Amino acid sequence: MKIGELSKITGVSIRSLRYYEEQGILIPMRLSNGYRVYNETAIDQVHTIKFYLDLGLSIEKISGFLHCVLKNKETFCKEVLPIYEQKLEEIEKQLETLQMIRLNLMDRVAAIKEEGLK
């Protein structure tokens, strides 16, 4: 299938598919005229890439374990666990920061409301 078809089937833009190719995580075959051609496995590959991107992982991180998870179950890929742990740590820090911002805003709102009542 051509890149437009893959884009339509997966819901991923042609631009993104080309970017995946530039990054070496999606490798099409090339026809003699230079057109990209993808086999059916590319659909699962793109869905897998999208899944990991939706988890907030970078293309760099994904490229480190993508081959393994496409061949095996995720649980058999040792490379995934440290990346998940690191991402969870990042999320925890972000949640702490958001909680501090939330409390600060709540205090400010309360102070403004209190001043407005005087």
PDB file of N, CA and C in Angstrom:
ATOM      1  N   MET A   1       0.840  -1.174   0.000  1.00  0.00           N
ATOM      2  CA  MET A   1       0.000   0.000   0.000  1.00  0.00           C
ATOM      3  C   MET A   1       0.887   1.239   0.000  1.00  0.00           C
ATOM      4  N   LYS A   2       0.367   2.317  -0.531  1.00  0.00           N
ATOM      5  CA  LYS A   2       1.117   3.567  -0.585  1.00  0.00           C
ATOM      6  C   LYS A   2       0.921   4.348   0.708  1.00  0.00           C
ATOM      7  N   ILE A   3       1.703   5.394   0.872  1.00  0.00           N
ATOM      8  CA  ILE A   3       1.709   6.162   2.111  1.00  0.00           C
ATOM      9  C   ILE A   3       0.341   6.780   2.418  1.00  0.00           C
ATOM     10  N   GLY A   4      -0.371   7.217   1.395  1.00  0.00           N
ATOM     11  CA  GLY A   4      -1.695   7.798   1.595  1.00  0.00           C
ATOM     12  C   GLY A   4      -2.677   6.789   2.166  1.00  0.00           C
ATOM     13  N   GLU A   5      -2.599   5.553   1.676  1.00  0.00           N
ATOM     14  CA  GLU A   5      -3.465   4.493   2.176  1.00  0.00           C
ATOM     15  C   GLU A   5      -3.144   4.175   3.639  1.00  0.00           C
ATOM     16  N   LEU A   6      -1.856   4.089   3.937  1.00  0.00           N
ATOM     17  CA  LEU A   6      -1.443   3.812   5.313  1.00  0.00           C
ATOM     18  C   LEU A   6      -1.913   4.926   6.238  1.00  0.00           C
ATOM     19  N   SER A   7      -1.814   6.138   5.772  1.00  0.00           N
ATOM     20  CA  SER A   7      -2.276   7.287   6.550  1.00  0.00           C
ATOM     21  C   SER A   7      -3.767   7.189   6.839  1.00  0.00           C
ATOM     22  N   LYS A   8      -4.529   6.852   5.816  1.00  0.00           N
ATOM     23  CA  LYS A   8      -5.987   6.751   5.953  1.00  0.00           C
ATOM     24  C   LYS A   8      -6.377   5.638   6.929  1.00  0.00           C
ATOM     25  N   ILE A   9      -5.736   4.494   6.789  1.00  0.00           N
ATOM     26  CA  ILE A   9      -6.058   3.332   7.624  1.00  0.00           C
ATOM     27  C   ILE A   9      -5.703   3.576   9.087  1.00  0.00           C
ATOM     28  N   THR A  10      -4.549   4.200   9.332  1.00  0.00           N
ATOM     29  CA  THR A  10      -4.057   4.363  10.710  1.00  0.00           C
ATOM     30  C   THR A  10      -4.492   5.669  11.364  1.00  0.00           C
ATOM     31  N   GLY A  11      -4.910   6.636  10.555  1.00  0.00           N
ATOM     32  CA  GLY A  11      -5.267   7.934  11.102  1.00  0.00           C
ATOM     33  C   GLY A  11      -4.056   8.793  11.440  1.00  0.00           C
ATOM     34  N   VAL A  12      -2.897   8.390  10.960  1.00  0.00           N
ATOM     35  CA  VAL A  12      -1.657   9.120  11.200  1.00  0.00           C
ATOM     36  C   VAL A  12      -1.325   9.894   9.927  1.00  0.00           C
ATOM     37  N   SER A  13      -0.961  11.145  10.072  1.00  0.00           N
ATOM     38  CA  SER A  13      -0.704  11.991   8.905  1.00  0.00           C
ATOM     39  C   SER A  13       0.470  11.483   8.075  1.00  0.00           C
ATOM     40  N   ILE A  14       0.437  11.826   6.805  1.00  0.00           N
ATOM     41  CA  ILE A  14       1.542  11.468   5.907  1.00  0.00           C
ATOM     42  C   ILE A  14       2.832  12.091   6.420  1.00  0.00           C
ATOM     43  N   ARG A  15       2.727  13.306   6.903  1.00  0.00           N
ATOM     44  CA  ARG A  15       3.909  13.988   7.441  1.00  0.00           C
ATOM     45  C   ARG A  15       4.528  13.187   8.587  1.00  0.00           C
ATOM     46  N   SER A  16       3.679  12.687   9.498  1.00  0.00           N
ATOM     47  CA  SER A  16       4.178  11.883  10.617  1.00  0.00           C
ATOM     48  C   SER A  16       4.800  10.585  10.136  1.00  0.00           C
ATOM     49  N   LEU A  17       4.172   9.955   9.163  1.00  0.00           N
ATOM     50  CA  LEU A  17       4.724   8.707   8.628  1.00  0.00           C
ATOM     51  C   LEU A  17       6.103   8.947   8.020  1.00  0.00           C
ATOM     52  N   ARG A  18       6.251  10.054   7.328  1.00  0.00           N
ATOM     53  CA  ARG A  18       7.562  10.389   6.766  1.00  0.00           C
ATOM     54  C   ARG A  18       8.578  10.648   7.887  1.00  0.00           C
ATOM     55  N   TYR A  19       8.119  11.293   8.944  1.00  0.00           N
ATOM     56  CA  TYR A  19       8.993  11.539  10.097  1.00  0.00           C
ATOM     57  C   TYR A  19       9.428  10.220  10.731  1.00  0.00           C
ATOM     58  N   TYR A  20       8.491   9.285  10.881  1.00  0.00           N
ATOM     59  CA  TYR A  20       8.848   7.971  11.429  1.00  0.00           C
ATOM     60  C   TYR A  20       9.918   7.317  10.561  1.00  0.00           C
ATOM     61  N   GLU A  21       9.776   7.473   9.251  1.00  0.00           N
ATOM     62  CA  GLU A  21      10.768   6.914   8.342  1.00  0.00           C
ATOM     63  C   GLU A  21      12.123   7.599   8.546  1.00  0.00           C
ATOM     64  N   GLU A  22      12.130   8.923   8.649  1.00  0.00           N
ATOM     65  CA  GLU A  22      13.380   9.664   8.874  1.00  0.00           C
ATOM     66  C   GLU A  22      14.071   9.200  10.149  1.00  0.00           C
ATOM     67  N   GLN A  23      13.269   8.868  11.156  1.00  0.00           N
ATOM     68  CA  GLN A  23      13.813   8.442  12.439  1.00  0.00           C
ATOM     69  C   GLN A  23      14.185   6.962  12.463  1.00  0.00           C
ATOM     70  N   GLY A  24      13.880   6.255  11.394  1.00  0.00           N
ATOM     71  CA  GLY A  24      14.278   4.851  11.272  1.00  0.00           C
ATOM     72  C   GLY A  24      13.380   3.868  11.987  1.00  0.00           C
ATOM     73  N   ILE A  25      12.156   4.295  12.357  1.00  0.00           N
ATOM     74  CA  ILE A  25      11.266   3.358  13.058  1.00  0.00           C
ATOM     75  C   ILE A  25      10.152   2.812  12.162  1.00  0.00           C
ATOM     76  N   LEU A  26      10.070   3.307  10.954  1.00  0.00           N
ATOM     77  CA  LEU A  26       9.137   2.780   9.958  1.00  0.00           C
ATOM     78  C   LEU A  26       9.886   2.777   8.629  1.00  0.00           C
ATOM     79  N   ILE A  27      10.111   1.594   8.111  1.00  0.00           N
ATOM     80  CA  ILE A  27      10.944   1.488   6.904  1.00  0.00           C
ATOM     81  C   ILE A  27      10.119   0.887   5.766  1.00  0.00           C
ATOM     82  N   PRO A  28       9.784   1.723   4.801  1.00  0.00           N
ATOM     83  CA  PRO A  28       9.028   1.215   3.654  1.00  0.00           C
ATOM     84  C   PRO A  28       9.952   0.610   2.613  1.00  0.00           C
ATOM     85  N   MET A  29       9.362  -0.122   1.709  1.00  0.00           N
ATOM     86  CA  MET A  29      10.095  -0.549   0.520  1.00  0.00           C
ATOM     87  C   MET A  29       9.935   0.585  -0.486  1.00  0.00           C
ATOM     88  N   ARG A  30      10.828   0.654  -1.446  1.00  0.00           N
ATOM     89  CA  ARG A  30      10.743   1.693  -2.472  1.00  0.00           C
ATOM     90  C   ARG A  30      10.585   1.041  -3.847  1.00  0.00           C
ATOM     91  N   LEU A  31       9.655   1.568  -4.613  1.00  0.00           N
ATOM     92  CA  LEU A  31       9.494   1.117  -5.988  1.00  0.00           C
ATOM     93  C   LEU A  31      10.564   1.780  -6.845  1.00  0.00           C
ATOM     94  N   SER A  32      10.700   1.333  -8.062  1.00  0.00           N
ATOM     95  CA  SER A  32      11.718   1.898  -8.946  1.00  0.00           C
ATOM     96  C   SER A  32      11.496   3.388  -9.196  1.00  0.00           C
ATOM     97  N   ASN A  33      10.247   3.833  -9.082  1.00  0.00           N
ATOM     98  CA  ASN A  33       9.959   5.260  -9.273  1.00  0.00           C
ATOM     99  C   ASN A  33      10.147   6.073  -7.984  1.00  0.00           C
ATOM    100  N   GLY A  34      10.590   5.410  -6.912  1.00  0.00           N
ATOM    101  CA  GLY A  34      10.852   6.095  -5.654  1.00  0.00           C
ATOM    102  C   GLY A  34       9.668   6.127  -4.695  1.00  0.00           C
ATOM    103  N   TYR A  35       8.501   5.665  -5.123  1.00  0.00           N
ATOM    104  CA  TYR A  35       7.331   5.668  -4.258  1.00  0.00           C
ATOM    105  C   TYR A  35       7.529   4.707  -3.086  1.00  0.00           C
ATOM    106  N   ARG A  36       7.033   5.126  -1.947  1.00  0.00           N
ATOM    107  CA  ARG A  36       7.065   4.250  -0.774  1.00  0.00           C
ATOM    108  C   ARG A  36       5.942   3.220  -0.898  1.00  0.00           C
ATOM    109  N   VAL A  37       6.261   2.003  -0.473  1.00  0.00           N
ATOM    110  CA  VAL A  37       5.257   0.944  -0.438  1.00  0.00           C
ATOM    111  C   VAL A  37       5.371   0.247   0.913  1.00  0.00           C
ATOM    112  N   TYR A  38       4.229   0.063   1.561  1.00  0.00           N
ATOM    113  CA  TYR A  38       4.198  -0.560   2.882  1.00  0.00           C
ATOM    114  C   TYR A  38       3.440  -1.876   2.809  1.00  0.00           C
ATOM    115  N   ASN A  39       3.891  -2.844   3.589  1.00  0.00           N
ATOM    116  CA  ASN A  39       3.141  -4.094   3.671  1.00  0.00           C
ATOM    117  C   ASN A  39       2.129  -3.993   4.821  1.00  0.00           C
ATOM    118  N   GLU A  40       1.351  -5.019   4.992  1.00  0.00           N
ATOM    119  CA  GLU A  40       0.271  -5.003   5.994  1.00  0.00           C
ATOM    120  C   GLU A  40       0.791  -4.855   7.427  1.00  0.00           C
ATOM    121  N   THR A  41       1.993  -5.323   7.691  1.00  0.00           N
ATOM    122  CA  THR A  41       2.530  -5.220   9.051  1.00  0.00           C
ATOM    123  C   THR A  41       2.783  -3.766   9.457  1.00  0.00           C
ATOM    124  N   ALA A  42       2.904  -2.887   8.472  1.00  0.00           N
ATOM    125  CA  ALA A  42       3.126  -1.468   8.770  1.00  0.00           C
ATOM    126  C   ALA A  42       1.949  -0.878   9.547  1.00  0.00           C
ATOM    127  N   ILE A  43       0.756  -1.398   9.329  1.00  0.00           N
ATOM    128  CA  ILE A  43      -0.430  -0.903  10.044  1.00  0.00           C
ATOM    129  C   ILE A  43      -0.254  -1.127  11.543  1.00  0.00           C
ATOM    130  N   ASP A  44       0.092  -2.354  11.936  1.00  0.00           N
ATOM    131  CA  ASP A  44       0.326  -2.652  13.349  1.00  0.00           C
ATOM    132  C   ASP A  44       1.494  -1.848  13.895  1.00  0.00           C
ATOM    133  N   GLN A  45       2.518  -1.690  13.090  1.00  0.00           N
ATOM    134  CA  GLN A  45       3.698  -0.945  13.511  1.00  0.00           C
ATOM    135  C   GLN A  45       3.330   0.512  13.809  1.00  0.00           C
ATOM    136  N   VAL A  46       2.557   1.135  12.926  1.00  0.00           N
ATOM    137  CA  VAL A  46       2.149   2.529  13.136  1.00  0.00           C
ATOM    138  C   VAL A  46       1.236   2.640  14.353  1.00  0.00           C
ATOM    139  N   HIS A  47       0.317   1.699  14.515  1.00  0.00           N
ATOM    140  CA  HIS A  47      -0.549   1.717  15.702  1.00  0.00           C
ATOM    141  C   HIS A  47       0.277   1.580  16.986  1.00  0.00           C
ATOM    142  N   THR A  48       1.296   0.744  16.944  1.00  0.00           N
ATOM    143  CA  THR A  48       2.175   0.561  18.106  1.00  0.00           C
ATOM    144  C   THR A  48       2.940   1.845  18.402  1.00  0.00           C
ATOM    145  N   ILE A  49       3.472   2.477  17.375  1.00  0.00           N
ATOM    146  CA  ILE A  49       4.185   3.748  17.558  1.00  0.00           C
ATOM    147  C   ILE A  49       3.251   4.783  18.166  1.00  0.00           C
ATOM    148  N   LYS A  50       2.050   4.871  17.626  1.00  0.00           N
ATOM    149  CA  LYS A  50       1.065   5.841  18.124  1.00  0.00           C
ATOM    150  C   LYS A  50       0.718   5.555  19.591  1.00  0.00           C
ATOM    151  N   PHE A  51       0.568   4.295  19.934  1.00  0.00           N
ATOM    152  CA  PHE A  51       0.273   3.919  21.317  1.00  0.00           C
ATOM    153  C   PHE A  51       1.341   4.458  22.271  1.00  0.00           C
ATOM    154  N   TYR A  52       2.606   4.230  21.923  1.00  0.00           N
ATOM    155  CA  TYR A  52       3.694   4.673  22.795  1.00  0.00           C
ATOM    156  C   TYR A  52       3.832   6.194  22.801  1.00  0.00           C
ATOM    157  N   LEU A  53       3.565   6.837  21.685  1.00  0.00           N
ATOM    158  CA  LEU A  53       3.561   8.299  21.671  1.00  0.00           C
ATOM    159  C   LEU A  53       2.454   8.838  22.582  1.00  0.00           C
ATOM    160  N   ASP A  54       1.294   8.176  22.555  1.00  0.00           N
ATOM    161  CA  ASP A  54       0.175   8.585  23.419  1.00  0.00           C
ATOM    162  C   ASP A  54       0.495   8.399  24.904  1.00  0.00           C
ATOM    163  N   LEU A  55       1.429   7.507  25.209  1.00  0.00           N
ATOM    164  CA  LEU A  55       1.887   7.348  26.595  1.00  0.00           C
ATOM    165  C   LEU A  55       2.845   8.467  26.996  1.00  0.00           C
ATOM    166  N   GLY A  56       3.208   9.286  26.021  1.00  0.00           N
ATOM    167  CA  GLY A  56       4.101  10.405  26.299  1.00  0.00           C
ATOM    168  C   GLY A  56       5.571  10.098  26.073  1.00  0.00           C
ATOM    169  N   LEU A  57       5.840   8.984  25.417  1.00  0.00           N
ATOM    170  CA  LEU A  57       7.230   8.624  25.150  1.00  0.00           C
ATOM    171  C   LEU A  57       7.704   9.298  23.864  1.00  0.00           C
ATOM    172  N   SER A  58       8.976   9.597  23.807  1.00  0.00           N
ATOM    173  CA  SER A  58       9.554  10.229  22.624  1.00  0.00           C
ATOM    174  C   SER A  58       9.890   9.179  21.570  1.00  0.00           C
ATOM    175  N   ILE A  59      10.035   9.636  20.354  1.00  0.00           N
ATOM    176  CA  ILE A  59      10.454   8.745  19.263  1.00  0.00           C
ATOM    177  C   ILE A  59      11.790   8.094  19.600  1.00  0.00           C
ATOM    178  N   GLU A  60      12.687   8.865  20.214  1.00  0.00           N
ATOM    179  CA  GLU A  60      13.990   8.314  20.616  1.00  0.00           C
ATOM    180  C   GLU A  60      13.821   7.117  21.539  1.00  0.00           C
ATOM    181  N   LYS A  61      12.972   7.288  22.560  1.00  0.00           N
ATOM    182  CA  LYS A  61      12.742   6.192  23.515  1.00  0.00           C
ATOM    183  C   LYS A  61      12.094   5.006  22.817  1.00  0.00           C
ATOM    184  N   ILE A  62      11.093   5.292  22.003  1.00  0.00           N
ATOM    185  CA  ILE A  62      10.373   4.224  21.313  1.00  0.00           C
ATOM    186  C   ILE A  62      11.304   3.428  20.412  1.00  0.00           C
ATOM    187  N   SER A  63      12.190   4.120  19.731  1.00  0.00           N
ATOM    188  CA  SER A  63      13.090   3.424  18.801  1.00  0.00           C
ATOM    189  C   SER A  63      13.997   2.438  19.525  1.00  0.00           C
ATOM    190  N   GLY A  64      14.221   2.647  20.816  1.00  0.00           N
ATOM    191  CA  GLY A  64      15.079   1.759  21.591  1.00  0.00           C
ATOM    192  C   GLY A  64      14.474   0.397  21.885  1.00  0.00           C
ATOM    193  N   PHE A  65      13.143   0.306  21.812  1.00  0.00           N
ATOM    194  CA  PHE A  65      12.515  -0.982  22.127  1.00  0.00           C
ATOM    195  C   PHE A  65      11.460  -1.418  21.115  1.00  0.00           C
ATOM    196  N   LEU A  66      11.176  -0.614  20.127  1.00  0.00           N
ATOM    197  CA  LEU A  66      10.101  -0.919  19.178  1.00  0.00           C
ATOM    198  C   LEU A  66      10.279  -2.267  18.498  1.00  0.00           C
ATOM    199  N   HIS A  67      11.473  -2.537  18.028  1.00  0.00           N
ATOM    200  CA  HIS A  67      11.725  -3.805  17.338  1.00  0.00           C
ATOM    201  C   HIS A  67      11.374  -4.995  18.240  1.00  0.00           C
ATOM    202  N   CYS A  68      11.739  -4.870  19.503  1.00  0.00           N
ATOM    203  CA  CYS A  68      11.465  -5.960  20.452  1.00  0.00           C
ATOM    204  C   CYS A  68       9.963  -6.164  20.653  1.00  0.00           C
ATOM    205  N   VAL A  69       9.225  -5.073  20.889  1.00  0.00           N
ATOM    206  CA  VAL A  69       7.791  -5.242  21.160  1.00  0.00           C
ATOM    207  C   VAL A  69       7.008  -5.655  19.917  1.00  0.00           C
ATOM    208  N   LEU A  70       7.524  -5.348  18.755  1.00  0.00           N
ATOM    209  CA  LEU A  70       6.851  -5.805  17.540  1.00  0.00           C
ATOM    210  C   LEU A  70       7.064  -7.300  17.317  1.00  0.00           C
ATOM    211  N   LYS A  71       8.187  -7.832  17.789  1.00  0.00           N
ATOM    212  CA  LYS A  71       8.489  -9.259  17.628  1.00  0.00           C
ATOM    213  C   LYS A  71       7.939 -10.093  18.784  1.00  0.00           C
ATOM    214  N   ASN A  72       7.916  -9.514  19.980  1.00  0.00           N
ATOM    215  CA  ASN A  72       7.536 -10.244  21.193  1.00  0.00           C
ATOM    216  C   ASN A  72       6.438  -9.498  21.911  1.00  0.00           C
ATOM    217  N   LYS A  73       5.983 -10.084  22.989  1.00  0.00           N
ATOM    218  CA  LYS A  73       5.083  -9.352  23.878  1.00  0.00           C
ATOM    219  C   LYS A  73       5.909  -8.335  24.653  1.00  0.00           C
ATOM    220  N   GLU A  74       5.256  -7.256  25.027  1.00  0.00           N
ATOM    221  CA  GLU A  74       5.935  -6.186  25.757  1.00  0.00           C
ATOM    222  C   GLU A  74       6.627  -6.711  27.024  1.00  0.00           C
ATOM    223  N   THR A  75       6.014  -7.667  27.686  1.00  0.00           N
ATOM    224  CA  THR A  75       6.571  -8.183  28.934  1.00  0.00           C
ATOM    225  C   THR A  75       7.907  -8.888  28.749  1.00  0.00           C
ATOM    226  N   PHE A  76       8.241  -9.254  27.518  1.00  0.00           N
ATOM    227  CA  PHE A  76       9.513  -9.919  27.251  1.00  0.00           C
ATOM    228  C   PHE A  76      10.608  -8.940  26.835  1.00  0.00           C
ATOM    229  N   CYS A  77      10.290  -7.664  26.810  1.00  0.00           N
ATOM    230  CA  CYS A  77      11.251  -6.646  26.377  1.00  0.00           C
ATOM    231  C   CYS A  77      11.775  -5.878  27.588  1.00  0.00           C
ATOM    232  N   LYS A  78      12.958  -6.247  28.027  1.00  0.00           N
ATOM    233  CA  LYS A  78      13.563  -5.631  29.207  1.00  0.00           C
ATOM    234  C   LYS A  78      13.765  -4.130  29.041  1.00  0.00           C
ATOM    235  N   GLU A  79      13.911  -3.674  27.806  1.00  0.00           N
ATOM    236  CA  GLU A  79      14.186  -2.263  27.538  1.00  0.00           C
ATOM    237  C   GLU A  79      13.031  -1.356  27.945  1.00  0.00           C
ATOM    238  N   VAL A  80      11.827  -1.908  28.023  1.00  0.00           N
ATOM    239  CA  VAL A  80      10.632  -1.100  28.276  1.00  0.00           C
ATOM    240  C   VAL A  80      10.515  -0.673  29.742  1.00  0.00           C
ATOM    241  N   LEU A  81      10.838  -1.555  30.664  1.00  0.00           N
ATOM    242  CA  LEU A  81      10.628  -1.279  32.086  1.00  0.00           C
ATOM    243  C   LEU A  81      11.329  -0.010  32.578  1.00  0.00           C
ATOM    244  N   PRO A  82      12.619   0.188  32.330  1.00  0.00           N
ATOM    245  CA  PRO A  82      13.247   1.416  32.817  1.00  0.00           C
ATOM    246  C   PRO A  82      12.653   2.683  32.187  1.00  0.00           C
ATOM    247  N   ILE A  83      12.206   2.575  30.961  1.00  0.00           N
ATOM    248  CA  ILE A  83      11.591   3.733  30.305  1.00  0.00           C
ATOM    249  C   ILE A  83      10.258   4.049  30.966  1.00  0.00           C
ATOM    250  N   TYR A  84       9.471   3.038  31.264  1.00  0.00           N
ATOM    251  CA  TYR A  84       8.201   3.243  31.976  1.00  0.00           C
ATOM    252  C   TYR A  84       8.443   3.837  33.358  1.00  0.00           C
ATOM    253  N   GLU A  85       9.431   3.294  34.064  1.00  0.00           N
ATOM    254  CA  GLU A  85       9.722   3.804  35.406  1.00  0.00           C
ATOM    255  C   GLU A  85      10.146   5.267  35.358  1.00  0.00           C
ATOM    256  N   GLN A  86      10.972   5.613  34.386  1.00  0.00           N
ATOM    257  CA  GLN A  86      11.412   7.005  34.233  1.00  0.00           C
ATOM    258  C   GLN A  86      10.226   7.905  33.901  1.00  0.00           C
ATOM    259  N   LYS A  87       9.347   7.452  33.031  1.00  0.00           N
ATOM    260  CA  LYS A  87       8.176   8.255  32.653  1.00  0.00           C
ATOM    261  C   LYS A  87       7.256   8.447  33.857  1.00  0.00           C
ATOM    262  N   LEU A  88       7.061   7.402  34.641  1.00  0.00           N
ATOM    263  CA  LEU A  88       6.237   7.520  35.851  1.00  0.00           C
ATOM    264  C   LEU A  88       6.827   8.529  36.827  1.00  0.00           C
ATOM    265  N   GLU A  89       8.141   8.527  36.961  1.00  0.00           N
ATOM    266  CA  GLU A  89       8.819   9.491  37.831  1.00  0.00           C
ATOM    267  C   GLU A  89       8.586  10.926  37.328  1.00  0.00           C
ATOM    268  N   GLU A  90       8.700  11.115  36.022  1.00  0.00           N
ATOM    269  CA  GLU A  90       8.436  12.437  35.439  1.00  0.00           C
ATOM    270  C   GLU A  90       7.003  12.886  35.715  1.00  0.00           C
ATOM    271  N   ILE A  91       6.069  11.971  35.559  1.00  0.00           N
ATOM    272  CA  ILE A  91       4.655  12.285  35.785  1.00  0.00           C
ATOM    273  C   ILE A  91       4.410  12.641  37.245  1.00  0.00           C
ATOM    274  N   GLU A  92       5.031  11.897  38.163  1.00  0.00           N
ATOM    275  CA  GLU A  92       4.877  12.192  39.584  1.00  0.00           C
ATOM    276  C   GLU A  92       5.365  13.609  39.900  1.00  0.00           C
ATOM    277  N   LYS A  93       6.503  14.000  39.324  1.00  0.00           N
ATOM    278  CA  LYS A  93       7.029  15.356  39.538  1.00  0.00           C
ATOM    279  C   LYS A  93       6.078  16.397  38.967  1.00  0.00           C
ATOM    280  N   GLN A  94       5.534  16.113  37.785  1.00  0.00           N
ATOM    281  CA  GLN A  94       4.583  17.043  37.178  1.00  0.00           C
ATOM    282  C   GLN A  94       3.323  17.175  38.037  1.00  0.00           C
ATOM    283  N   LEU A  95       2.868  16.060  38.587  1.00  0.00           N
ATOM    284  CA  LEU A  95       1.685  16.095  39.447  1.00  0.00           C
ATOM    285  C   LEU A  95       1.945  16.916  40.712  1.00  0.00           C
ATOM    286  N   GLU A  96       3.126  16.755  41.285  1.00  0.00           N
ATOM    287  CA  GLU A  96       3.482  17.546  42.465  1.00  0.00           C
ATOM    288  C   GLU A  96       3.492  19.032  42.131  1.00  0.00           C
ATOM    289  N   THR A  97       4.080  19.375  41.002  1.00  0.00           N
ATOM    290  CA  THR A  97       4.131  20.776  40.576  1.00  0.00           C
ATOM    291  C   THR A  97       2.717  21.304  40.336  1.00  0.00           C
ATOM    292  N   LEU A  98       1.899  20.531  39.662  1.00  0.00           N
ATOM    293  CA  LEU A  98       0.519  20.952  39.409  1.00  0.00           C
ATOM    294  C   LEU A  98      -0.263  21.120  40.718  1.00  0.00           C
ATOM    295  N   GLN A  99      -0.029  20.242  41.666  1.00  0.00           N
ATOM    296  CA  GLN A  99      -0.710  20.352  42.963  1.00  0.00           C
ATOM    297  C   GLN A  99      -0.296  21.635  43.671  1.00  0.00           C
ATOM    298  N   MET A 100       0.993  21.985  43.616  1.00  0.00           N
ATOM    299  CA  MET A 100       1.455  23.236  44.238  1.00  0.00           C
ATOM    300  C   MET A 100       0.826  24.437  43.540  1.00  0.00           C
ATOM    301  N   ILE A 101       0.759  24.415  42.224  1.00  0.00           N
ATOM    302  CA  ILE A 101       0.133  25.503  41.475  1.00  0.00           C
ATOM    303  C   ILE A 101      -1.346  25.600  41.832  1.00  0.00           C
ATOM    304  N   ARG A 102      -1.998  24.466  41.926  1.00  0.00           N
ATOM    305  CA  ARG A 102      -3.430  24.429  42.276  1.00  0.00           C
ATOM    306  C   ARG A 102      -3.665  25.063  43.641  1.00  0.00           C
ATOM    307  N   LEU A 103      -2.873  24.661  44.622  1.00  0.00           N
ATOM    308  CA  LEU A 103      -3.032  25.214  45.968  1.00  0.00           C
ATOM    309  C   LEU A 103      -2.769  26.714  45.985  1.00  0.00           C
ATOM    310  N   ASN A 104      -1.754  27.149  45.254  1.00  0.00           N
ATOM    311  CA  ASN A 104      -1.432  28.570  45.163  1.00  0.00           C
ATOM    312  C   ASN A 104      -2.609  29.340  44.563  1.00  0.00           C
ATOM    313  N   LEU A 105      -3.168  28.819  43.481  1.00  0.00           N
ATOM    314  CA  LEU A 105      -4.307  29.481  42.851  1.00  0.00           C
ATOM    315  C   LEU A 105      -5.524  29.496  43.762  1.00  0.00           C
ATOM    316  N   MET A 106      -5.753  28.413  44.461  1.00  0.00           N
ATOM    317  CA  MET A 106      -6.885  28.360  45.389  1.00  0.00           C
ATOM    318  C   MET A 106      -6.724  29.415  46.487  1.00  0.00           C
ATOM    319  N   ASP A 107      -5.505  29.558  47.006  1.00  0.00           N
ATOM    320  CA  ASP A 107      -5.238  30.594  48.018  1.00  0.00           C
ATOM    321  C   ASP A 107      -5.493  31.979  47.457  1.00  0.00           C
ATOM    322  N   ARG A 108      -5.046  32.228  46.245  1.00  0.00           N
ATOM    323  CA  ARG A 108      -5.223  33.540  45.622  1.00  0.00           C
ATOM    324  C   ARG A 108      -6.694  33.846  45.388  1.00  0.00           C
ATOM    325  N   VAL A 109      -7.431  32.855  44.890  1.00  0.00           N
ATOM    326  CA  VAL A 109      -8.877  33.034  44.666  1.00  0.00           C
ATOM    327  C   VAL A 109      -9.568  33.340  45.984  1.00  0.00           C
ATOM    328  N   ALA A 110      -9.244  32.596  47.022  1.00  0.00           N
ATOM    329  CA  ALA A 110      -9.852  32.821  48.346  1.00  0.00           C
ATOM    330  C   ALA A 110      -9.518  34.214  48.854  1.00  0.00           C
ATOM    331  N   ALA A 111      -8.269  34.640  48.696  1.00  0.00           N
ATOM    332  CA  ALA A 111      -7.868  35.971  49.170  1.00  0.00           C
ATOM    333  C   ALA A 111      -8.603  37.065  48.415  1.00  0.00           C
ATOM    334  N   ILE A 112      -8.733  36.917  47.105  1.00  0.00           N
ATOM    335  CA  ILE A 112      -9.433  37.924  46.299  1.00  0.00           C
ATOM    336  C   ILE A 112     -10.902  37.988  46.699  1.00  0.00           C
ATOM    337  N   LYS A 113     -11.519  36.829  46.884  1.00  0.00           N
ATOM    338  CA  LYS A 113     -12.931  36.798  47.285  1.00  0.00           C
ATOM    339  C   LYS A 113     -13.118  37.422  48.655  1.00  0.00           C
ATOM    340  N   GLU A 114     -12.189  37.129  49.564  1.00  0.00           N
ATOM    341  CA  GLU A 114     -12.261  37.678  50.908  1.00  0.00           C
ATOM    342  C   GLU A 114     -12.125  39.188  50.880  1.00  0.00           C
ATOM    343  N   GLU A 115     -11.187  39.702  50.098  1.00  0.00           N
ATOM    344  CA  GLU A 115     -10.977  41.153  49.985  1.00  0.00           C
ATOM    345  C   GLU A 115     -12.195  41.816  49.352  1.00  0.00           C
ATOM    346  N   GLY A 116     -12.820  41.150  48.406  1.00  0.00           N
ATOM    347  CA  GLY A 116     -13.975  41.700  47.732  1.00  0.00           C
ATOM    348  C   GLY A 116     -15.193  41.802  48.633  1.00  0.00           C
ATOM    349  N   LEU A 117     -15.226  41.017  49.678  1.00  0.00           N
ATOM    350  CA  LEU A 117     -16.362  41.033  50.609  1.00  0.00           C
ATOM    351  C   LEU A 117     -16.251  42.143  51.654  1.00  0.00           C
ATOM    352  N   LYS A 118     -15.079  42.740  51.796  1.00  0.00           N
ATOM    353  CA  LYS A 118     -14.870  43.771  52.822  1.00  0.00           C
ATOM    354  C   LYS A 118     -15.421  45.099  52.385  1.00  0.00           C
TER     355      LYS A 118
END
